[in-house]
Amino acid sequence: MGRRETGGVRANQIHLNKPPKLSSEWGPPHKADEFVNKIREVTVPNYEKKAGYKGCHLFIDRQNNKAIFASYWESEADMHASEQDTGFRSELDDVRSPPESSFYEVISTT
């Protein structure tokens, strides 16, 4: 289970029974590529340093200028702890709106 390019963002093979955190974001269409690059170069490396991080997916709707960033964590505690260090997120402020994060429990996967 190695890394692969997925939608322009590195991702590990994800264990879908792990708690996901979803962030809904939007930004100007001309900043979409810059947003993807900053996720790849800033967000993912910072998350990789955090306890319990298992991987992520980034979904982009370029037509409607929206994005969903899903990160996966070993435990609910790890997921909530990831919210504490927000310093690196300021790197994204010029290319997106403030994210709206939601935490989900996985009920089933197929």
N, C-alpha and C. Protein backbone atom coordinates (compact mmCIF):
# COMPACT_ATOMS: atom_id res chain seq x y z
N MET A 1 0.83 -1.19 0.00
CA MET A 1 0.00 0.00 0.00
C MET A 1 0.87 1.24 0.00
N GLY A 2 1.22 1.72 -1.14
CA GLY A 2 2.07 2.89 -1.26
C GLY A 2 1.29 4.14 -1.56
N ARG A 3 2.04 5.18 -1.80
CA ARG A 3 1.41 6.46 -2.17
C ARG A 3 1.09 6.47 -3.65
N ARG A 4 0.12 7.27 -3.99
CA ARG A 4 -0.25 7.44 -5.38
C ARG A 4 -0.78 8.85 -5.56
N GLU A 5 -0.79 9.33 -6.79
CA GLU A 5 -1.40 10.63 -7.07
C GLU A 5 -2.89 10.42 -7.21
N THR A 6 -3.66 11.20 -6.48
CA THR A 6 -5.11 11.10 -6.51
C THR A 6 -5.68 12.49 -6.64
N GLY A 7 -6.26 12.81 -7.76
CA GLY A 7 -6.85 14.13 -7.93
C GLY A 7 -5.85 15.25 -7.68
N GLY A 8 -4.57 15.01 -7.94
CA GLY A 8 -3.58 16.05 -7.78
C GLY A 8 -2.99 16.15 -6.38
N VAL A 9 -3.47 15.34 -5.43
CA VAL A 9 -2.96 15.38 -4.07
C VAL A 9 -2.51 13.99 -3.67
N ARG A 10 -1.32 13.91 -3.04
CA ARG A 10 -0.84 12.62 -2.57
C ARG A 10 -1.83 12.04 -1.56
N ALA A 11 -2.01 10.73 -1.61
CA ALA A 11 -2.90 10.09 -0.64
C ALA A 11 -2.42 8.68 -0.36
N ASN A 12 -2.56 8.27 0.88
CA ASN A 12 -2.29 6.89 1.23
C ASN A 12 -3.52 6.05 0.91
N GLN A 13 -3.32 4.76 0.84
CA GLN A 13 -4.48 3.87 0.81
C GLN A 13 -5.19 4.13 2.13
N ILE A 14 -6.46 4.43 2.10
CA ILE A 14 -7.19 4.87 3.29
C ILE A 14 -7.96 3.71 3.90
N HIS A 15 -7.89 3.60 5.21
CA HIS A 15 -8.73 2.67 5.95
C HIS A 15 -10.03 3.41 6.23
N LEU A 16 -11.08 3.07 5.53
CA LEU A 16 -12.31 3.86 5.59
C LEU A 16 -13.08 3.70 6.88
N ASN A 17 -12.63 2.84 7.80
CA ASN A 17 -13.30 2.77 9.08
C ASN A 17 -12.70 3.74 10.09
N LYS A 18 -11.75 4.56 9.67
CA LYS A 18 -11.13 5.56 10.54
C LYS A 18 -11.98 6.83 10.52
N PRO A 19 -11.98 7.57 11.65
CA PRO A 19 -12.79 8.79 11.71
C PRO A 19 -12.33 9.84 10.70
N PRO A 20 -13.23 10.32 9.84
CA PRO A 20 -12.86 11.39 8.91
C PRO A 20 -13.25 12.77 9.45
N LYS A 21 -12.45 13.75 9.09
CA LYS A 21 -12.80 15.14 9.33
C LYS A 21 -12.98 15.75 7.95
N LEU A 22 -14.12 16.38 7.71
CA LEU A 22 -14.39 16.99 6.41
C LEU A 22 -14.38 18.50 6.55
N SER A 23 -13.66 19.16 5.67
CA SER A 23 -13.63 20.63 5.63
C SER A 23 -14.20 21.06 4.29
N SER A 24 -15.21 21.88 4.35
CA SER A 24 -15.85 22.42 3.15
C SER A 24 -15.28 23.82 2.92
N GLU A 25 -14.78 24.07 1.72
CA GLU A 25 -14.12 25.33 1.43
C GLU A 25 -14.53 25.85 0.06
N TRP A 26 -14.30 27.11 -0.19
CA TRP A 26 -14.53 27.70 -1.51
C TRP A 26 -13.54 28.82 -1.73
N GLY A 27 -13.39 29.18 -2.95
CA GLY A 27 -12.47 30.26 -3.27
C GLY A 27 -12.66 30.70 -4.70
N PRO A 28 -11.94 31.74 -5.11
CA PRO A 28 -12.08 32.22 -6.48
C PRO A 28 -11.53 31.20 -7.48
N PRO A 29 -12.18 31.07 -8.63
CA PRO A 29 -11.78 30.05 -9.60
C PRO A 29 -10.33 30.18 -10.05
N HIS A 30 -9.82 31.38 -10.17
CA HIS A 30 -8.44 31.56 -10.64
C HIS A 30 -7.41 31.15 -9.59
N LYS A 31 -7.85 30.81 -8.37
CA LYS A 31 -6.92 30.40 -7.31
C LYS A 31 -6.99 28.89 -7.05
N ALA A 32 -7.76 28.14 -7.82
CA ALA A 32 -7.94 26.70 -7.56
C ALA A 32 -6.63 25.93 -7.61
N ASP A 33 -5.81 26.16 -8.63
CA ASP A 33 -4.54 25.45 -8.74
C ASP A 33 -3.60 25.81 -7.59
N GLU A 34 -3.59 27.06 -7.21
CA GLU A 34 -2.75 27.50 -6.09
C GLU A 34 -3.23 26.84 -4.79
N PHE A 35 -4.54 26.73 -4.63
CA PHE A 35 -5.11 26.06 -3.46
C PHE A 35 -4.66 24.61 -3.40
N VAL A 36 -4.77 23.89 -4.52
CA VAL A 36 -4.34 22.48 -4.58
C VAL A 36 -2.86 22.37 -4.23
N ASN A 37 -2.04 23.24 -4.78
CA ASN A 37 -0.60 23.21 -4.50
C ASN A 37 -0.31 23.45 -3.02
N LYS A 38 -1.03 24.39 -2.40
CA LYS A 38 -0.79 24.67 -0.99
C LYS A 38 -1.25 23.50 -0.11
N ILE A 39 -2.33 22.84 -0.50
CA ILE A 39 -2.75 21.64 0.24
C ILE A 39 -1.64 20.60 0.15
N ARG A 40 -1.12 20.40 -1.04
CA ARG A 40 -0.06 19.41 -1.28
C ARG A 40 1.23 19.77 -0.55
N GLU A 41 1.62 21.04 -0.58
CA GLU A 41 2.92 21.45 -0.08
C GLU A 41 2.93 21.90 1.39
N VAL A 42 1.77 22.30 1.93
CA VAL A 42 1.73 22.81 3.30
C VAL A 42 0.87 21.92 4.20
N THR A 43 -0.38 21.72 3.84
CA THR A 43 -1.31 21.01 4.71
C THR A 43 -0.92 19.55 4.91
N VAL A 44 -0.72 18.82 3.81
CA VAL A 44 -0.41 17.39 3.92
C VAL A 44 0.88 17.16 4.70
N PRO A 45 1.98 17.86 4.41
CA PRO A 45 3.19 17.63 5.22
C PRO A 45 2.99 17.93 6.71
N ASN A 46 2.19 18.95 7.04
CA ASN A 46 1.92 19.25 8.44
C ASN A 46 1.09 18.15 9.09
N TYR A 47 0.08 17.66 8.39
CA TYR A 47 -0.73 16.57 8.94
C TYR A 47 0.09 15.30 9.09
N GLU A 48 1.01 15.05 8.17
CA GLU A 48 1.83 13.84 8.26
C GLU A 48 2.67 13.80 9.54
N LYS A 49 2.91 14.94 10.15
CA LYS A 49 3.68 15.01 11.39
C LYS A 49 2.81 14.76 12.62
N LYS A 50 1.50 14.75 12.46
CA LYS A 50 0.59 14.65 13.59
C LYS A 50 0.30 13.19 13.95
N ALA A 51 0.14 12.96 15.24
CA ALA A 51 -0.19 11.62 15.73
C ALA A 51 -1.53 11.16 15.15
N GLY A 52 -1.57 9.94 14.67
CA GLY A 52 -2.80 9.33 14.23
C GLY A 52 -3.24 9.65 12.82
N TYR A 53 -2.50 10.48 12.10
CA TYR A 53 -2.88 10.83 10.72
C TYR A 53 -2.76 9.60 9.82
N LYS A 54 -3.81 9.34 9.03
CA LYS A 54 -3.82 8.17 8.16
C LYS A 54 -3.88 8.51 6.68
N GLY A 55 -4.19 9.74 6.32
CA GLY A 55 -4.24 10.12 4.91
C GLY A 55 -5.35 11.13 4.65
N CYS A 56 -5.51 11.48 3.38
CA CYS A 56 -6.51 12.49 3.03
C CYS A 56 -6.97 12.32 1.58
N HIS A 57 -8.05 12.97 1.29
CA HIS A 57 -8.56 13.12 -0.08
C HIS A 57 -8.97 14.59 -0.25
N LEU A 58 -8.75 15.12 -1.43
CA LEU A 58 -9.20 16.47 -1.75
C LEU A 58 -10.11 16.36 -2.97
N PHE A 59 -11.33 16.87 -2.83
CA PHE A 59 -12.31 16.86 -3.91
C PHE A 59 -12.53 18.31 -4.35
N ILE A 60 -12.40 18.56 -5.64
CA ILE A 60 -12.54 19.92 -6.17
C ILE A 60 -13.70 19.96 -7.16
N ASP A 61 -14.58 20.93 -6.99
CA ASP A 61 -15.64 21.22 -7.95
C ASP A 61 -15.30 22.58 -8.56
N ARG A 62 -14.54 22.55 -9.64
CA ARG A 62 -14.06 23.80 -10.24
C ARG A 62 -15.20 24.63 -10.83
N GLN A 63 -16.25 23.98 -11.27
CA GLN A 63 -17.36 24.71 -11.87
C GLN A 63 -18.07 25.58 -10.84
N ASN A 64 -18.15 25.10 -9.60
CA ASN A 64 -18.85 25.84 -8.55
C ASN A 64 -17.90 26.43 -7.50
N ASN A 65 -16.59 26.36 -7.76
CA ASN A 65 -15.57 26.95 -6.87
C ASN A 65 -15.64 26.41 -5.44
N LYS A 66 -15.81 25.09 -5.31
CA LYS A 66 -15.92 24.48 -3.99
C LYS A 66 -14.90 23.35 -3.87
N ALA A 67 -14.54 23.07 -2.63
CA ALA A 67 -13.64 21.96 -2.35
C ALA A 67 -14.06 21.28 -1.05
N ILE A 68 -13.82 19.99 -0.98
CA ILE A 68 -13.99 19.24 0.26
C ILE A 68 -12.67 18.53 0.52
N PHE A 69 -12.13 18.76 1.69
CA PHE A 69 -10.89 18.12 2.11
C PHE A 69 -11.24 17.13 3.21
N ALA A 70 -10.99 15.85 2.97
CA ALA A 70 -11.27 14.81 3.96
C ALA A 70 -9.94 14.29 4.49
N SER A 71 -9.76 14.35 5.78
CA SER A 71 -8.57 13.77 6.41
C SER A 71 -9.02 12.64 7.32
N TYR A 72 -8.19 11.61 7.42
CA TYR A 72 -8.53 10.40 8.16
C TYR A 72 -7.57 10.21 9.31
N TRP A 73 -8.09 9.76 10.45
CA TRP A 73 -7.33 9.71 11.70
C TRP A 73 -7.52 8.36 12.39
N GLU A 74 -6.51 7.95 13.13
CA GLU A 74 -6.55 6.68 13.84
C GLU A 74 -7.65 6.67 14.88
N SER A 75 -7.85 7.79 15.56
CA SER A 75 -8.86 7.85 16.62
C SER A 75 -9.57 9.20 16.59
N GLU A 76 -10.68 9.25 17.29
CA GLU A 76 -11.41 10.51 17.39
C GLU A 76 -10.58 11.55 18.14
N ALA A 77 -9.82 11.12 19.14
CA ALA A 77 -8.97 12.04 19.89
C ALA A 77 -7.90 12.65 18.97
N ASP A 78 -7.29 11.83 18.10
CA ASP A 78 -6.30 12.34 17.15
C ASP A 78 -6.94 13.35 16.20
N MET A 79 -8.14 13.04 15.75
CA MET A 79 -8.85 13.92 14.82
C MET A 79 -9.09 15.29 15.47
N HIS A 80 -9.57 15.31 16.70
CA HIS A 80 -9.84 16.58 17.37
C HIS A 80 -8.55 17.31 17.72
N ALA A 81 -7.50 16.58 18.05
CA ALA A 81 -6.21 17.21 18.34
C ALA A 81 -5.65 17.92 17.11
N SER A 82 -5.98 17.43 15.92
CA SER A 82 -5.50 18.06 14.69
C SER A 82 -6.03 19.48 14.53
N GLU A 83 -7.10 19.80 15.20
CA GLU A 83 -7.69 21.14 15.13
C GLU A 83 -6.93 22.16 15.97
N GLN A 84 -6.11 21.70 16.91
CA GLN A 84 -5.45 22.61 17.84
C GLN A 84 -4.35 23.44 17.18
N ASP A 85 -3.58 22.85 16.29
CA ASP A 85 -2.48 23.56 15.63
C ASP A 85 -2.97 24.15 14.33
N THR A 86 -3.32 25.42 14.35
CA THR A 86 -3.88 26.05 13.15
C THR A 86 -2.89 27.00 12.47
N GLY A 87 -1.67 27.08 12.98
CA GLY A 87 -0.69 28.03 12.43
C GLY A 87 -0.43 27.86 10.96
N PHE A 88 -0.29 26.63 10.50
CA PHE A 88 0.02 26.41 9.08
C PHE A 88 -1.16 26.72 8.18
N ARG A 89 -2.36 26.79 8.72
CA ARG A 89 -3.55 27.05 7.89
C ARG A 89 -3.58 28.47 7.35
N SER A 90 -2.89 29.40 8.00
CA SER A 90 -2.88 30.78 7.50
C SER A 90 -2.25 30.86 6.11
N GLU A 91 -1.45 29.86 5.76
CA GLU A 91 -0.86 29.79 4.41
C GLU A 91 -1.93 29.71 3.33
N LEU A 92 -3.11 29.23 3.68
CA LEU A 92 -4.19 29.05 2.71
C LEU A 92 -5.16 30.24 2.65
N ASP A 93 -5.04 31.17 3.59
CA ASP A 93 -6.03 32.23 3.71
C ASP A 93 -6.20 33.08 2.45
N ASP A 94 -5.16 33.23 1.65
CA ASP A 94 -5.28 34.07 0.46
C ASP A 94 -5.88 33.33 -0.74
N VAL A 95 -6.14 32.03 -0.60
CA VAL A 95 -6.68 31.28 -1.74
C VAL A 95 -8.01 30.60 -1.44
N ARG A 96 -8.55 30.80 -0.24
CA ARG A 96 -9.81 30.16 0.10
C ARG A 96 -10.51 30.89 1.23
N SER A 97 -11.78 30.54 1.40
CA SER A 97 -12.55 31.06 2.52
C SER A 97 -12.17 30.30 3.78
N PRO A 98 -12.56 30.80 4.96
CA PRO A 98 -12.33 29.99 6.16
C PRO A 98 -13.11 28.67 6.03
N PRO A 99 -12.46 27.55 6.35
CA PRO A 99 -13.14 26.26 6.19
C PRO A 99 -14.20 26.04 7.25
N GLU A 100 -15.19 25.25 6.89
CA GLU A 100 -16.20 24.79 7.84
C GLU A 100 -15.92 23.31 8.05
N SER A 101 -15.44 22.94 9.24
CA SER A 101 -15.08 21.55 9.50
C SER A 101 -16.23 20.81 10.17
N SER A 102 -16.36 19.55 9.81
CA SER A 102 -17.34 18.66 10.41
C SER A 102 -16.66 17.34 10.72
N PHE A 103 -17.10 16.71 11.78
CA PHE A 103 -16.54 15.43 12.18
C PHE A 103 -17.62 14.37 12.03
N TYR A 104 -17.26 13.23 11.48
CA TYR A 104 -18.23 12.18 11.19
C TYR A 104 -17.81 10.86 11.81
N GLU A 105 -18.81 10.08 12.17
CA GLU A 105 -18.58 8.70 12.61
C GLU A 105 -18.84 7.80 11.40
N VAL A 106 -17.97 6.85 11.16
CA VAL A 106 -18.17 5.91 10.05
C VAL A 106 -19.10 4.81 10.53
N ILE A 107 -20.23 4.65 9.85
CA ILE A 107 -21.21 3.62 10.22
C ILE A 107 -20.95 2.34 9.45
N SER A 108 -20.71 2.47 8.13
CA SER A 108 -20.41 1.28 7.34
C SER A 108 -19.65 1.68 6.09
N THR A 109 -18.90 0.73 5.56
CA THR A 109 -18.19 0.93 4.31
C THR A 109 -18.43 -0.30 3.45
N THR A 110 -18.34 -0.11 2.14
CA THR A 110 -18.50 -1.26 1.24
C THR A 110 -17.31 -1.33 0.31
